[in-house]
C-alpha atoms as a PDB file:
ATOM      1  CA  MET A   1       0.000   0.000   0.000  1.00  0.00           C
ATOM      2  CA  THR A   2       1.260   3.448  -0.897  1.00  0.00           C
ATOM      3  CA  ALA A   3       2.009   6.043   1.745  1.00  0.00           C
ATOM      4  CA  LEU A   4      -0.837   8.292   0.523  1.00  0.00           C
ATOM      5  CA  PRO A   5      -4.042   6.300  -0.003  1.00  0.00           C
ATOM      6  CA  GLY A   6      -6.785   8.034  -1.957  1.00  0.00           C
ATOM      7  CA  ILE A   7      -6.684  11.205  -4.054  1.00  0.00           C
ATOM      8  CA  TRP A   8      -4.404  14.017  -2.856  1.00  0.00           C
ATOM      9  CA  ILE A   9      -4.131  17.555  -4.179  1.00  0.00           C
ATOM     10  CA  TRP A  10      -0.589  18.879  -4.638  1.00  0.00           C
ATOM     11  CA  VAL A  11      -0.080  22.460  -3.436  1.00  0.00           C
ATOM     12  CA  PHE A  12       2.775  24.790  -4.348  1.00  0.00           C
ATOM     13  CA  MET A  13       1.546  28.073  -2.818  1.00  0.00           C
ATOM     14  CA  THR A  14      -2.217  28.721  -2.909  1.00  0.00           C
ATOM     15  CA  LEU A  15      -4.084  26.594  -0.380  1.00  0.00           C
ATOM     16  CA  PRO A  16      -7.577  25.243  -0.945  1.00  0.00           C
ATOM     17  CA  THR A  17     -10.320  25.987   1.541  1.00  0.00           C
ATOM     18  CA  PRO A  18     -11.511  23.155   3.803  1.00  0.00           C
ATOM     19  CA  THR A  19     -14.642  22.888   1.665  1.00  0.00           C
ATOM     20  CA  GLN A  20     -12.611  22.643  -1.543  1.00  0.00           C
ATOM     21  CA  LEU A  21     -10.392  19.940  -0.052  1.00  0.00           C
ATOM     22  CA  ALA A  22     -13.308  17.981   1.414  1.00  0.00           C
ATOM     23  CA  PRO A  23     -13.690  15.485  -1.496  1.00  0.00           C
ATOM     24  CA  TYR A  24     -10.006  14.553  -1.321  1.00  0.00           C
ATOM     25  CA  ALA A  25      -7.903  12.537   1.138  1.00  0.00           C
ATOM     26  CA  GLY A  26      -5.618  15.478   1.817  1.00  0.00           C
ATOM     27  CA  ALA A  27      -3.083  17.932   0.433  1.00  0.00           C
ATOM     28  CA  VAL A  28       0.602  17.461  -0.359  1.00  0.00           C
ATOM     29  CA  VAL A  29       1.897  20.910   0.567  1.00  0.00           C
ATOM     30  CA  LYS A  30       5.331  22.361  -0.187  1.00  0.00           C
ATOM     31  CA  ALA A  31       6.760  22.982   3.290  1.00  0.00           C
ATOM     32  CA  THR A  32      10.389  23.901   2.600  1.00  0.00           C
ATOM     33  CA  ASN A  33      12.699  24.772  -0.278  1.00  0.00           C
ATOM     34  CA  GLY A  34      15.823  22.627  -0.177  1.00  0.00           C
ATOM     35  CA  ASN A  35      18.034  23.756   2.675  1.00  0.00           C
ATOM     36  CA  GLY A  36      15.696  26.608   3.646  1.00  0.00           C
ATOM     37  CA  THR A  37      12.048  27.479   4.144  1.00  0.00           C
ATOM     38  CA  THR A  38      11.586  30.370   1.699  1.00  0.00           C
ATOM     39  CA  GLY A  39      11.892  30.993  -2.016  1.00  0.00           C
ATOM     40  CA  ASP A  40      11.361  34.114  -4.124  1.00  0.00           C
ATOM     41  CA  GLY A  41      10.094  35.859  -1.002  1.00  0.00           C
ATOM     42  CA  PHE A  42       7.477  33.205  -0.214  1.00  0.00           C
ATOM     43  CA  ASP A  43       7.319  31.541   3.203  1.00  0.00           C
ATOM     44  CA  PHE A  44       6.693  27.856   2.486  1.00  0.00           C
ATOM     45  CA  ALA A  45       7.007  26.765   6.117  1.00  0.00           C
ATOM     46  CA  GLY A  46       4.453  29.371   7.175  1.00  0.00           C
ATOM     47  CA  ASN A  47       2.110  28.279   4.391  1.00  0.00           C
ATOM     48  CA  TYR A  48       2.409  24.649   5.485  1.00  0.00           C
ATOM     49  CA  ALA A  49       1.688  25.626   9.100  1.00  0.00           C
ATOM     50  CA  HIS A  50      -1.453  27.407   7.916  1.00  0.00           C
ATOM     51  CA  ALA A  51      -2.501  24.270   6.005  1.00  0.00           C
ATOM     52  CA  VAL A  52      -2.146  22.225   9.198  1.00  0.00           C
ATOM     53  CA  GLN A  53      -4.407  24.708  10.996  1.00  0.00           C
ATOM     54  CA  LEU A  54      -7.016  24.373   8.242  1.00  0.00           C
ATOM     55  CA  PHE A  55      -6.906  20.618   7.602  1.00  0.00           C
ATOM     56  CA  GLY A  56      -5.080  18.949  10.511  1.00  0.00           C
ATOM     57  CA  PRO A  57      -1.598  17.369  10.367  1.00  0.00           C
ATOM     58  CA  SER A  58      -2.734  13.952   9.145  1.00  0.00           C
ATOM     59  CA  ARG A  59      -4.147  15.527   5.947  1.00  0.00           C
ATOM     60  CA  CYS A  60      -1.007  17.537   5.162  1.00  0.00           C
ATOM     61  CA  ALA A  61       1.829  15.565   3.602  1.00  0.00           C
ATOM     62  CA  ALA A  62       4.959  17.676   3.102  1.00  0.00           C
ATOM     63  CA  TRP A  63       7.230  18.090   0.094  1.00  0.00           C
ATOM     64  CA  THR A  64      10.367  20.018  -0.773  1.00  0.00           C
ATOM     65  CA  PHE A  65      12.704  20.689  -3.693  1.00  0.00           C
ATOM     66  CA  LEU A  66      16.185  19.179  -3.598  1.00  0.00           C
ATOM     67  CA  TYR A  67      18.347  21.249  -5.927  1.00  0.00           C
ATOM     68  CA  PRO A  68      21.401  19.906  -7.750  1.00  0.00           C
ATOM     69  CA  ALA A  69      24.797  20.927  -6.401  1.00  0.00           C
ATOM     70  CA  THR A  70      23.463  23.204  -3.647  1.00  0.00           C
ATOM     71  CA  THR A  71      21.380  20.870  -1.467  1.00  0.00           C
ATOM     72  CA  HIS A  72      22.931  19.443   1.675  1.00  0.00           C
ATOM     73  CA  GLY A  73      20.864  16.310   2.205  1.00  0.00           C
ATOM     74  CA  ALA A  74      20.967  16.151   6.000  1.00  0.00           C
ATOM     75  CA  THR A  75      20.247  19.882   6.314  1.00  0.00           C
ATOM     76  CA  ALA A  76      17.300  19.662   3.909  1.00  0.00           C
ATOM     77  CA  ALA A  77      15.896  16.729   5.901  1.00  0.00           C
ATOM     78  CA  GLN A  78      16.235  18.529   9.224  1.00  0.00           C
ATOM     79  CA  THR A  79      14.605  21.637   7.762  1.00  0.00           C
ATOM     80  CA  LEU A  80      11.686  19.618   6.393  1.00  0.00           C
ATOM     81  CA  ALA A  81      11.160  17.689   9.634  1.00  0.00           C
ATOM     82  CA  ASN A  82      11.208  20.938  11.619  1.00  0.00           C
ATOM     83  CA  ALA A  83       8.654  22.589   9.334  1.00  0.00           C
ATOM     84  CA  ALA A  84       6.346  19.554   9.218  1.00  0.00           C
ATOM     85  CA  PRO A  85       6.944  17.559  12.421  1.00  0.00           C
ATOM     86  CA  HIS A  86       3.755  15.464  12.209  1.00  0.00           C
ATOM     87  CA  ALA A  87       3.254  14.940   8.472  1.00  0.00           C
ATOM     88  CA  PRO A  88       1.928  11.512   7.425  1.00  0.00           C
ATOM     89  CA  ALA A  89       4.517  11.340   4.607  1.00  0.00           C
ATOM     90  CA  TYR A  90       7.384  13.341   3.132  1.00  0.00           C
ATOM     91  CA  ILE A  91       8.341  13.725  -0.529  1.00  0.00           C
ATOM     92  CA  ALA A  92      11.489  15.142  -2.107  1.00  0.00           C
ATOM     93  CA  ASP A  93      11.143  16.630  -5.582  1.00  0.00           C
ATOM     94  CA  ILE A  94      14.516  15.878  -7.167  1.00  0.00           C
ATOM     95  CA  GLU A  95      15.238  18.804  -9.447  1.00  0.00           C
ATOM     96  CA  ASP A  96      17.357  18.617 -12.595  1.00  0.00           C
ATOM     97  CA  TYR A  97      20.140  20.339 -14.493  1.00  0.00           C
ATOM     98  CA  ARG A  98      17.897  23.181 -15.750  1.00  0.00           C
ATOM     99  CA  TYR A  99      18.380  24.879 -12.386  1.00  0.00           C
ATOM    100  CA  GLN A 100      22.162  24.501 -12.516  1.00  0.00           C
ATOM    101  CA  PRO A 101      23.373  23.394 -15.971  1.00  0.00           C
ATOM    102  CA  GLY A 102      25.571  20.320 -15.980  1.00  0.00           C
ATOM    103  CA  LYS A 103      24.970  19.626 -12.277  1.00  0.00           C
ATOM    104  CA  SER A 104      23.127  16.779 -10.595  1.00  0.00           C
ATOM    105  CA  LEU A 105      22.239  15.955  -7.022  1.00  0.00           C
ATOM    106  CA  PRO A 106      24.996  13.598  -5.812  1.00  0.00           C
ATOM    107  CA  LYS A 107      24.099  10.133  -4.581  1.00  0.00           C
ATOM    108  CA  ALA A 108      25.688  10.963  -1.228  1.00  0.00           C
ATOM    109  CA  GLU A 109      23.251  13.839  -0.706  1.00  0.00           C
ATOM    110  CA  ILE A 110      20.261  11.728  -1.784  1.00  0.00           C
ATOM    111  CA  ASP A 111      21.302   9.032   0.683  1.00  0.00           C
ATOM    112  CA  ALA A 112      21.880  11.622   3.408  1.00  0.00           C
ATOM    113  CA  PHE A 113      18.441  13.143   2.937  1.00  0.00           C
ATOM    114  CA  PHE A 114      16.547   9.858   3.164  1.00  0.00           C
ATOM    115  CA  SER A 115      18.713   8.518   5.970  1.00  0.00           C
ATOM    116  CA  LYS A 116      18.230  11.664   8.055  1.00  0.00           C
ATOM    117  CA  MET A 117      14.476  11.755   7.419  1.00  0.00           C
ATOM    118  CA  HIS A 118      14.148   8.142   8.566  1.00  0.00           C
ATOM    119  CA  GLU A 119      16.211   8.959  11.647  1.00  0.00           C
ATOM    120  CA  LEU A 120      14.112  12.024  12.490  1.00  0.00           C
ATOM    121  CA  ARG A 121      10.703  10.487  11.709  1.00  0.00           C
ATOM    122  CA  PRO A 122      11.070   6.717  12.154  1.00  0.00           C
ATOM    123  CA  GLY A 123       8.261   4.726  10.608  1.00  0.00           C
ATOM    124  CA  VAL A 124       6.985   7.636   8.494  1.00  0.00           C
ATOM    125  CA  PRO A 125       7.281   6.978   4.735  1.00  0.00           C
ATOM    126  CA  VAL A 126       9.623   9.161   2.699  1.00  0.00           C
ATOM    127  CA  GLY A 127       9.309   9.248  -1.080  1.00  0.00           C
ATOM    128  CA  PHE A 128      10.695  11.037  -4.102  1.00  0.00           C
ATOM    129  CA  THR A 129       9.099  12.617  -7.164  1.00  0.00           C
ATOM    130  CA  THR A 130      10.664  13.426 -10.514  1.00  0.00           C
ATOM    131  CA  TYR A 131      10.345  12.394 -14.170  1.00  0.00           C
ATOM    132  CA  PRO A 132       8.123   9.318 -14.440  1.00  0.00           C
ATOM    133  CA  THR A 133      10.544   6.845 -16.008  1.00  0.00           C
ATOM    134  CA  LYS A 134      14.141   5.869 -15.358  1.00  0.00           C
ATOM    135  CA  ALA A 135      15.208   6.835 -18.878  1.00  0.00           C
ATOM    136  CA  GLN A 136      13.646  10.298 -18.688  1.00  0.00           C
ATOM    137  CA  ALA A 137      15.087  10.981 -15.247  1.00  0.00           C
ATOM    138  CA  GLU A 138      18.590   9.890 -16.169  1.00  0.00           C
ATOM    139  CA  GLN A 139      18.469  11.935 -19.366  1.00  0.00           C
ATOM    140  CA  GLN A 140      17.980  14.968 -17.113  1.00  0.00           C
ATOM    141  CA  LEU A 141      20.853  13.888 -14.805  1.00  0.00           C
ATOM    142  CA  VAL A 142      18.597  12.667 -11.989  1.00  0.00           C
ATOM    143  CA  ASN A 143      20.150   9.677 -10.183  1.00  0.00           C
ATOM    144  CA  TRP A 144      17.132   7.385 -10.501  1.00  0.00           C
ATOM    145  CA  THR A 145      18.800   4.319  -8.993  1.00  0.00           C
ATOM    146  CA  ALA A 146      19.907   6.194  -5.876  1.00  0.00           C
ATOM    147  CA  CYS A 147      16.380   7.574  -5.389  1.00  0.00           C
ATOM    148  CA  ILE A 148      14.687   4.192  -5.862  1.00  0.00           C
ATOM    149  CA  ASP A 149      17.117   2.464  -3.518  1.00  0.00           C
ATOM    150  CA  ALA A 150      16.650   5.046  -0.749  1.00  0.00           C
ATOM    151  CA  CYS A 151      12.910   5.783  -0.996  1.00  0.00           C
ATOM    152  CA  ASP A 152       9.886   4.159   0.621  1.00  0.00           C
ATOM    153  CA  PHE A 153       7.682   5.091  -2.337  1.00  0.00           C
ATOM    154  CA  GLY A 154       7.822   6.941  -5.632  1.00  0.00           C
ATOM    155  CA  GLY A 155       5.773   9.852  -6.929  1.00  0.00           C
ATOM    156  CA  PRO A 156       6.160   9.827 -10.731  1.00  0.00           C
ATOM    157  CA  GLN A 157       5.103  13.064 -12.431  1.00  0.00           C
ATOM    158  CA  ILE A 158       2.908  11.916 -15.325  1.00  0.00           C
ATOM    159  CA  TYR A 159       1.925  15.249 -16.798  1.00  0.00           C
ATOM    160  CA  TRP A 160       1.800  14.990 -20.581  1.00  0.00           C
ATOM    161  CA  PRO A 161       0.003  12.605 -22.996  1.00  0.00           C
ATOM    162  CA  LYS A 162       3.329  11.170 -24.178  1.00  0.00           C
ATOM    163  CA  GLN A 163       4.085  10.273 -20.550  1.00  0.00           C
ATOM    164  CA  LEU A 164       0.658   8.744 -20.015  1.00  0.00           C
ATOM    165  CA  GLU A 165       1.531   6.366 -22.843  1.00  0.00           C
ATOM    166  CA  LYS A 166       4.530   5.179 -20.809  1.00  0.00           C
ATOM    167  CA  TRP A 167       2.395   3.946 -17.903  1.00  0.00           C
ATOM    168  CA  GLN A 168       3.632   0.349 -18.056  1.00  0.00           C
ATOM    169  CA  THR A 169       7.222   1.574 -18.107  1.00  0.00           C
ATOM    170  CA  VAL A 170       6.499   3.720 -15.061  1.00  0.00           C
ATOM    171  CA  VAL A 171       5.214   0.669 -13.209  1.00  0.00           C
ATOM    172  CA  HIS A 172       8.221  -1.414 -14.288  1.00  0.00           C
ATOM    173  CA  ASP A 173      10.805   1.247 -13.392  1.00  0.00           C
ATOM    174  CA  HIS A 174       9.582   1.518  -9.805  1.00  0.00           C
ATOM    175  CA  THR A 175      10.770  -2.057  -9.216  1.00  0.00           C
ATOM    176  CA  ALA A 176       7.715  -3.151  -7.222  1.00  0.00           C
ATOM    177  CA  LYS A 177       7.943  -0.218  -4.786  1.00  0.00           C
ATOM    178  CA  PRO A 178       4.617   1.420  -3.979  1.00  0.00           C
ATOM    179  CA  PHE A 179       4.001   4.716  -5.677  1.00  0.00           C
ATOM    180  CA  HIS A 180       1.714   7.716  -5.726  1.00  0.00           C
ATOM    181  CA  ALA A 181       1.391   8.785  -9.364  1.00  0.00           C
ATOM    182  CA  VAL A 182       0.932  12.538  -9.847  1.00  0.00           C
ATOM    183  CA  PHE A 183      -1.182  13.725 -12.800  1.00  0.00           C
ATOM    184  CA  SER A 184      -1.848  17.154 -14.313  1.00  0.00           C
ATOM    185  CA  PRO A 185      -5.299  17.369 -15.940  1.00  0.00           C
ATOM    186  CA  ASP A 186      -4.356  20.837 -17.230  1.00  0.00           C
ATOM    187  CA  ASP A 187      -1.562  19.290 -19.306  1.00  0.00           C
ATOM    188  CA  SER A 188      -3.220  15.994 -20.252  1.00  0.00           C
ATOM    189  CA  GLY A 189      -6.919  16.817 -20.541  1.00  0.00           C
ATOM    190  CA  GLU A 190      -9.344  13.909 -20.890  1.00  0.00           C
ATOM    191  CA  ALA A 191      -6.450  11.538 -21.641  1.00  0.00           C
ATOM    192  CA  VAL A 192      -5.540  11.479 -17.950  1.00  0.00           C
ATOM    193  CA  VAL A 193      -8.813   9.850 -16.853  1.00  0.00           C
ATOM    194  CA  PRO A 194      -8.299   6.162 -17.734  1.00  0.00           C
ATOM    195  CA  VAL A 195      -4.676   6.142 -16.578  1.00  0.00           C
ATOM    196  CA  ALA A 196      -5.478   7.886 -13.298  1.00  0.00           C
ATOM    197  CA  GLN A 197      -8.408   5.543 -12.709  1.00  0.00           C
ATOM    198  CA  ASN A 198      -6.131   2.575 -13.380  1.00  0.00           C
ATOM    199  CA  ALA A 199      -3.535   3.930 -10.955  1.00  0.00           C
ATOM    200  CA  LEU A 200      -6.185   4.439  -8.302  1.00  0.00           C
ATOM    201  CA  ALA A 201      -7.613   0.947  -8.774  1.00  0.00           C
ATOM    202  CA  LYS A 202      -4.256  -0.845  -8.752  1.00  0.00           C
ATOM    203  CA  HIS A 203      -2.162   1.289  -6.404  1.00  0.00           C
ATOM    204  CA  GLY A 204      -4.787   2.960  -4.222  1.00  0.00           C
ATOM    205  CA  SER A 205      -3.354   6.420  -4.698  1.00  0.00           C
ATOM    206  CA  VAL A 206      -3.095   9.353  -7.102  1.00  0.00           C
ATOM    207  CA  GLY A 207      -2.072  12.987  -6.861  1.00  0.00           C
ATOM    208  CA  ILE A 208      -3.526  15.914  -8.826  1.00  0.00           C
ATOM    209  CA  TRP A 209      -1.365  18.848  -9.922  1.00  0.00           C
ATOM    210  CA  ALA A 210      -2.387  21.639 -10.151  1.00  0.00           C
ATOM    211  CA  HIS A 211      -5.552  21.723  -8.121  1.00  0.00           C
ATOM    212  CA  PRO A 212      -8.797  22.114 -10.066  1.00  0.00           C
ATOM    213  CA  PHE A 213     -10.106  24.974  -7.925  1.00  0.00           C
ATOM    214  CA  ILE A 214      -7.279  27.130  -9.298  1.00  0.00           C
ATOM    215  CA  HIS A 215      -7.771  25.809 -12.831  1.00  0.00           C
ATOM    216  CA  PRO A 216     -11.539  25.189 -12.934  1.00  0.00           C
ATOM    217  CA  ASN A 217     -11.491  24.056 -16.565  1.00  0.00           C
ATOM    218  CA  SER A 218      -9.965  20.779 -15.363  1.00  0.00           C
ATOM    219  CA  GLN A 219     -12.582  20.158 -12.673  1.00  0.00           C
ATOM    220  CA  HIS A 220     -14.715  17.935 -14.926  1.00  0.00           C
ATOM    221  CA  VAL A 221     -11.670  15.738 -15.582  1.00  0.00           C
ATOM    222  CA  VAL A 222     -10.900  15.411 -11.875  1.00  0.00           C
ATOM    223  CA  ASP A 223     -14.569  14.671 -11.191  1.00  0.00           C
ATOM    224  CA  GLN A 224     -14.319  11.564 -13.354  1.00  0.00           C
ATOM    225  CA  VAL A 225     -11.375  10.310 -11.308  1.00  0.00           C
ATOM    226  CA  LEU A 226     -13.223  11.132  -8.094  1.00  0.00           C
ATOM    227  CA  ALA A 227     -16.235   9.180  -9.373  1.00  0.00           C
ATOM    228  CA  ALA A 228     -14.019   6.104  -9.731  1.00  0.00           C
ATOM    229  CA  TRP A 229     -12.918   6.538  -6.130  1.00  0.00           C
ATOM    230  CA  HIS A 230     -16.547   6.839  -4.997  1.00  0.00           C
ATOM    231  CA  SER A 231     -17.447   3.593  -6.737  1.00  0.00           C
ATOM    232  CA  GLY A 232     -14.421   1.644  -5.493  1.00  0.00           C
ATOM    233  CA  GLU A 233     -14.265  -0.786  -2.577  1.00  0.00           C
ATOM    234  CA  ASN A 234     -14.660   0.953   0.787  1.00  0.00           C
ATOM    235  CA  ALA A 235     -15.147   4.243  -1.062  1.00  0.00           C
ATOM    236  CA  HIS A 236     -17.657   5.454   1.527  1.00  0.00           C
ATOM    237  CA  VAL A 237     -15.060   5.110   4.257  1.00  0.00           C
ATOM    238  CA  ALA A 238     -12.355   6.818   2.256  1.00  0.00           C
ATOM    239  CA  ILE A 239     -14.510   9.700   1.063  1.00  0.00           C
ATOM    240  CA  ASP A 240     -16.745  10.575   3.965  1.00  0.00           C
ATOM    241  CA  LEU A 241     -14.618   9.889   7.028  1.00  0.00           C
ATOM    242  CA  PRO A 242     -11.581  11.976   7.912  1.00  0.00           C
ATOM    243  CA  VAL A 243      -8.111  10.715   8.611  1.00  0.00           C
ATOM    244  CA  LEU A 244      -7.421  11.284  12.318  1.00  0.00           C
ATOM    245  CA  ASP A 245      -3.997  11.456  13.923  1.00  0.00           C
ATOM    246  CA  LEU A 246      -3.991  10.585  17.637  1.00  0.00           C
ATOM    247  CA  SER A 247      -0.299   9.730  17.812  1.00  0.00           C
ATOM    248  CA  HIS A 248       0.370  12.762  20.027  1.00  0.00           C
ATOM    249  CA  ALA A 249      -2.907  12.695  21.957  1.00  0.00           C
ATOM    250  CA  ASP A 250      -1.038  11.869  25.182  1.00  0.00           C
ATOM    251  CA  THR A 251       0.263  15.427  25.349  1.00  0.00           C
ATOM    252  CA  ALA A 252      -1.975  17.396  22.968  1.00  0.00           C
ATOM    253  CA  THR A 253      -5.744  16.862  22.930  1.00  0.00           C
ATOM    254  CA  VAL A 254      -7.093  16.259  19.428  1.00  0.00           C
ATOM    255  CA  ARG A 255     -10.379  17.922  18.496  1.00  0.00           C
ATOM    256  CA  SER A 256     -12.060  17.184  15.165  1.00  0.00           C
ATOM    257  CA  PRO A 257     -15.599  16.526  13.912  1.00  0.00           C
ATOM    258  CA  GLY A 258     -14.580  12.878  13.490  1.00  0.00           C
ATOM    259  CA  ILE A 259     -13.426  12.364  17.082  1.00  0.00           C
ATOM    260  CA  ARG A 260     -16.899  11.939  18.576  1.00  0.00           C
ATOM    261  CA  LEU A 261     -17.753   9.265  15.989  1.00  0.00           C
ATOM    262  CA  LEU A 262     -14.466   7.495  16.702  1.00  0.00           C
ATOM    263  CA  GLN A 263     -15.164   7.526  20.434  1.00  0.00           C
ATOM    264  CA  SER A 264     -18.692   6.228  19.919  1.00  0.00           C
ATOM    265  CA  LEU A 265     -17.393   3.317  17.848  1.00  0.00           C
ATOM    266  CA  LEU A 266     -14.773   2.545  20.503  1.00  0.00           C
ATOM    267  CA  VAL A 267     -17.580   2.502  23.097  1.00  0.00           C
ATOM    268  CA  ALA A 268     -19.507   0.067  20.887  1.00  0.00           C
ATOM    269  CA  ALA A 269     -16.366  -2.086  20.720  1.00  0.00           C
ATOM    270  CA  GLY A 270     -16.210  -2.160  24.527  1.00  0.00           C
ATOM    271  CA  LEU A 271     -12.921  -0.273  24.740  1.00  0.00           C
ATOM    272  CA  LEU A 272     -14.162   3.088  26.034  1.00  0.00           C
ATOM    273  CA  THR A 273     -16.868   4.139  28.460  1.00  0.00           C
ATOM    274  CA  ALA A 274     -19.774   6.328  27.377  1.00  0.00           C
ATOM    275  CA  ALA A 275     -18.361   9.139  29.501  1.00  0.00           C
ATOM    276  CA  GLY A 276     -15.394   9.209  27.132  1.00  0.00           C
ATOM    277  CA  VAL A 277     -17.498  10.440  24.215  1.00  0.00           C
ATOM    278  CA  ASP A 278     -16.702  14.134  24.458  1.00  0.00           C
ATOM    279  CA  GLY A 279     -15.217  15.056  21.074  1.00  0.00           C
ATOM    280  CA  ALA A 280     -11.768  15.605  22.602  1.00  0.00           C
ATOM    281  CA  ALA A 281      -9.280  12.757  22.167  1.00  0.00           C
ATOM    282  CA  GLY A 282      -6.709  12.426  24.920  1.00  0.00           C
ATOM    283  CA  PRO A 283      -4.701   9.540  26.432  1.00  0.00           C
ATOM    284  CA  GLN A 284      -7.755   7.341  27.111  1.00  0.00           C
ATOM    285  CA  THR A 285      -9.072   7.564  23.560  1.00  0.00           C
ATOM    286  CA  LYS A 286      -5.604   6.935  22.161  1.00  0.00           C
ATOM    287  CA  ALA A 287      -5.131   3.865  24.391  1.00  0.00           C
ATOM    288  CA  ALA A 288      -8.502   2.459  23.343  1.00  0.00           C
ATOM    289  CA  LEU A 289      -7.672   3.058  19.683  1.00  0.00           C
ATOM    290  CA  LEU A 290      -4.308   1.318  20.000  1.00  0.00           C
ATOM    291  CA  ASP A 291      -5.993  -1.655  21.694  1.00  0.00           C
ATOM    292  CA  PHE A 292      -8.499  -1.866  18.846  1.00  0.00           C
ATOM    293  CA  GLN A 293      -5.838  -1.642  16.127  1.00  0.00           C
ATOM    294  CA  THR A 294      -3.699  -4.308  17.819  1.00  0.00           C
ATOM    295  CA  HIS A 295      -6.644  -6.681  18.283  1.00  0.00           C
ATOM    296  CA  HIS A 296      -7.668  -6.291  14.630  1.00  0.00           C
ATOM    297  CA  HIS A 297      -4.107  -6.658  13.284  1.00  0.00           C
ATOM    298  CA  ILE A 298      -3.956  -3.105  11.986  1.00  0.00           C
ATOM    299  CA  ALA A 299      -0.738  -1.100  12.307  1.00  0.00           C
ATOM    300  CA  ALA A 300      -0.931   0.250  15.885  1.00  0.00           C
ATOM    301  CA  ASP A 301       0.067   3.826  15.089  1.00  0.00           C
ATOM    302  CA  ALA A 302      -2.928   5.712  16.582  1.00  0.00           C
ATOM    303  CA  ARG A 303      -3.786   7.017  13.106  1.00  0.00           C
ATOM    304  CA  VAL A 304      -7.373   6.413  11.993  1.00  0.00           C
ATOM    305  CA  GLN A 305      -7.284   5.791   8.271  1.00  0.00           C
ATOM    306  CA  GLN A 306      -9.341   3.641   5.919  1.00  0.00           C
ATOM    307  CA  ALA A 307      -8.436   0.244   7.414  1.00  0.00           C
ATOM    308  CA  THR A 308      -9.253   1.356  10.959  1.00  0.00           C
ATOM    309  CA  TRP A 309     -12.541   3.045  10.012  1.00  0.00           C
ATOM    310  CA  THR A 310     -13.574  -0.048   8.071  1.00  0.00           C
ATOM    311  CA  ALA A 311     -12.833  -2.359  10.998  1.00  0.00           C
ATOM    312  CA  LEU A 312     -14.598  -0.058  13.470  1.00  0.00           C
ATOM    313  CA  LEU A 313     -17.737   0.116  11.345  1.00  0.00           C
ATOM    314  CA  ALA A 314     -17.692  -3.646  10.752  1.00  0.00           C
ATOM    315  CA  ALA A 315     -17.442  -4.277  14.493  1.00  0.00           C
ATOM    316  CA  THR A 316     -20.660  -2.413  15.316  1.00  0.00           C
END
């Protein structure tokens, strides 16, 4: 299973509203810019923090550029972890020679970035995104092999019709690693629909760049992909129920419209008393959730995603 189940909207600067994001699993928000947090006068870390306030940390994956020749891998990882300390996944966009002609990001810096991210956020998946196939990436001096070897998942950028045609090569080049394919309806038009639907059916995950509420002409294309998600297995759970992150509920109470439902289901499962249904998840709710996940052989991470919601609803 990929690190980002469902349909995620990729965000460079302009954030959606909570209502605009509601049909999607979450947003993949640029949180830093290589070794730093700003670029061209824009505060990416501040924008990511605002996204967390709007959507909650579990619905805000974090991404960054890694520039050739200037990125220090360990520094970029530390900067990203500081800006997005509770993200459900991290993604490095490996940039190419166009930014610094004749230069590429050294393998040592790629390894350092992934190694440091895994050290700082153990158990949290870290992926990379770049050209969709090995041949395309290497033509642009991106060290594909180093990225594949170090990553937990890939995020191939399948933006143009000629890249959509290479779908089977994309699958092959990721060497059986999970991936979150990123599509651009603005670049591909209607041609993106069958490939994105196939990716969603087989890999459980797609990304949309750029978001349709900024480019409304692509909304009808995205709607077709969303319709496939609605009609898929467990679509009701994925669409209508939020992802909840209770991993830090011991020290920071979690409040969300989904918390009361979660607590009610835990009461029905016999793991929480009725008095615990208060819409504010603290240590008791977290402990009950962990007990439920362990008993049902779900990863005991105190994160309520599709598998946990499904099991909770089935248990009632």
